[in-house]
Amino acid sequence: MSDQTTLAELLAINERIGPAESAADSAWFEQLLHERFTMRRPGGALSTKEEFLAGLAPGSERRTTMVSVETHGTHRATASCLVEKWTLADPQQVQVFDNLRVFLRQDGRWRLLTWLAEPV
């Protein structure tokens, strides 16, 4: 797989995360999340894969702006992005989160291992 193909694949995954989270697409996340997945939520709480999947619920629109995608060898990658999230209570209010995501290539596909989200 070429570097350009890898970067395009990782970019597409990262751009899909926001809409999948808003749509509570648990089947898509089940395939994406590594079995040892950990998320650090904006408030500091940690969630496992099971907790993340159980907490998915249809919700606010999200828009992702990629900052960087980098590969580290053939099976590791990081992605940095800003995610805008519109609140359900006030559609004019937007929350912005700085996200850092760590991926592993396993069994021929990228799996999300770690997701760190912080409010901007």
Protein backbone atom coordinates (compact mmCIF):
# COMPACT_ATOMS: atom_id res chain seq x y z
CA MET A 1 0.00 0.00 0.00
CA SER A 2 1.45 3.39 -1.00
CA ASP A 3 1.89 6.26 1.44
CA GLN A 4 -0.72 8.30 -0.46
CA THR A 5 -3.24 5.45 -0.29
CA THR A 6 -2.58 4.99 3.43
CA LEU A 7 -2.99 8.71 4.15
CA ALA A 8 -6.19 8.86 2.08
CA GLU A 9 -7.59 5.86 3.98
CA LEU A 10 -6.76 7.40 7.36
CA LEU A 11 -8.20 10.75 6.30
CA ALA A 12 -11.46 9.10 5.24
CA ILE A 13 -11.71 7.20 8.54
CA ASN A 14 -11.15 10.36 10.58
CA GLU A 15 -13.68 12.35 8.58
CA ARG A 16 -16.24 9.55 9.06
CA ILE A 17 -15.86 9.40 12.87
CA GLY A 18 -17.90 12.59 13.55
CA PRO A 19 -20.94 11.63 11.45
CA ALA A 20 -20.77 8.04 12.77
CA GLU A 21 -20.76 9.32 16.33
CA SER A 22 -23.69 11.69 15.62
CA ALA A 23 -25.63 8.81 14.03
CA ALA A 24 -24.71 6.38 16.83
CA ASP A 25 -23.36 3.94 14.22
CA SER A 26 -22.28 1.24 16.66
CA ALA A 27 -21.71 -1.35 13.91
CA TRP A 28 -19.16 0.92 12.22
CA PHE A 29 -17.41 1.70 15.52
CA GLU A 30 -17.41 -1.98 16.49
CA GLN A 31 -15.22 -2.63 13.42
CA LEU A 32 -13.05 0.47 13.89
CA LEU A 33 -12.24 0.32 17.60
CA HIS A 34 -9.37 -1.89 18.73
CA GLU A 35 -10.28 -4.38 21.47
CA ARG A 36 -8.04 -2.39 23.86
CA PHE A 37 -9.47 0.98 22.79
CA THR A 38 -9.40 3.81 25.34
CA MET A 39 -10.94 7.24 25.03
CA ARG A 40 -10.14 10.18 27.24
CA ARG A 41 -13.26 12.30 27.17
CA PRO A 42 -13.16 16.12 27.32
CA GLY A 43 -13.97 16.06 31.04
CA GLY A 44 -11.10 13.67 31.77
CA ALA A 45 -13.04 10.42 32.19
CA LEU A 46 -11.66 7.31 30.49
CA SER A 47 -13.89 4.98 28.45
CA THR A 48 -13.23 1.47 27.20
CA LYS A 49 -14.52 0.17 23.88
CA GLU A 50 -17.53 -1.37 25.60
CA GLU A 51 -18.35 1.84 27.47
CA PHE A 52 -17.95 3.95 24.34
CA LEU A 53 -20.26 1.69 22.33
CA ALA A 54 -22.85 1.55 25.13
CA GLY A 55 -22.86 5.35 25.36
CA LEU A 56 -23.49 6.00 21.66
CA ALA A 57 -26.77 7.81 21.05
CA PRO A 58 -27.99 9.83 18.07
CA GLY A 59 -27.10 13.44 18.68
CA SER A 60 -25.53 16.67 17.64
CA GLU A 61 -24.02 17.36 14.25
CA ARG A 62 -20.22 17.23 14.17
CA ARG A 63 -17.77 18.64 11.62
CA THR A 64 -14.13 17.54 11.49
CA THR A 65 -11.22 19.66 10.32
CA MET A 66 -8.04 17.64 9.91
CA VAL A 67 -4.83 19.18 11.23
CA SER A 68 -2.45 16.30 10.44
CA VAL A 69 -2.23 12.61 9.67
CA GLU A 70 1.12 10.90 10.10
CA THR A 71 2.27 7.34 9.67
CA HIS A 72 4.92 5.90 11.96
CA GLY A 73 6.30 2.88 10.15
CA THR A 74 3.89 0.51 8.41
CA HIS A 75 1.41 -0.25 11.19
CA ARG A 76 1.15 2.88 13.36
CA ALA A 77 -0.44 6.26 12.65
CA THR A 78 -1.61 9.38 14.45
CA ALA A 79 -4.26 11.88 13.46
CA SER A 80 -4.90 15.32 14.87
CA CYS A 81 -8.14 17.17 14.18
CA LEU A 82 -10.54 19.76 15.46
CA VAL A 83 -14.16 18.70 15.86
CA GLU A 84 -16.99 21.21 15.98
CA LYS A 85 -20.10 19.92 17.74
CA TRP A 86 -23.40 21.74 17.65
CA THR A 87 -25.44 21.44 20.84
CA LEU A 88 -28.96 20.03 20.69
CA ALA A 89 -30.31 22.59 23.16
CA ASP A 90 -29.03 25.57 21.14
CA PRO A 91 -28.16 24.81 17.48
CA GLN A 92 -26.33 28.15 17.25
CA GLN A 93 -23.89 27.14 19.99
CA VAL A 94 -20.80 25.25 18.86
CA GLN A 95 -18.33 23.39 21.06
CA VAL A 96 -14.83 22.79 19.65
CA PHE A 97 -12.64 19.85 20.64
CA ASP A 98 -9.00 19.12 19.87
CA ASN A 99 -8.67 15.41 19.12
CA LEU A 100 -5.59 13.21 18.94
CA ARG A 101 -6.15 9.67 17.67
CA VAL A 102 -3.74 6.74 17.55
CA PHE A 103 -4.27 3.94 15.04
CA LEU A 104 -2.79 0.46 14.57
CA ARG A 105 -2.91 -1.47 11.32
CA GLN A 106 -4.09 -4.96 12.23
CA ASP A 107 -5.30 -7.76 9.95
CA GLY A 108 -5.10 -5.45 6.94
CA ARG A 109 -7.15 -2.58 8.35
CA TRP A 110 -6.74 0.44 10.58
CA ARG A 111 -8.07 0.15 14.13
CA LEU A 112 -8.48 3.08 16.52
CA LEU A 113 -6.51 2.37 19.70
CA THR A 114 -6.55 5.68 21.58
CA TRP A 115 -8.68 8.81 21.28
CA LEU A 116 -7.88 11.88 23.36
CA ALA A 117 -10.37 14.76 23.22
CA GLU A 118 -9.93 18.15 24.89
CA PRO A 119 -12.12 21.25 24.72
CA VAL A 120 -10.53 24.22 22.96
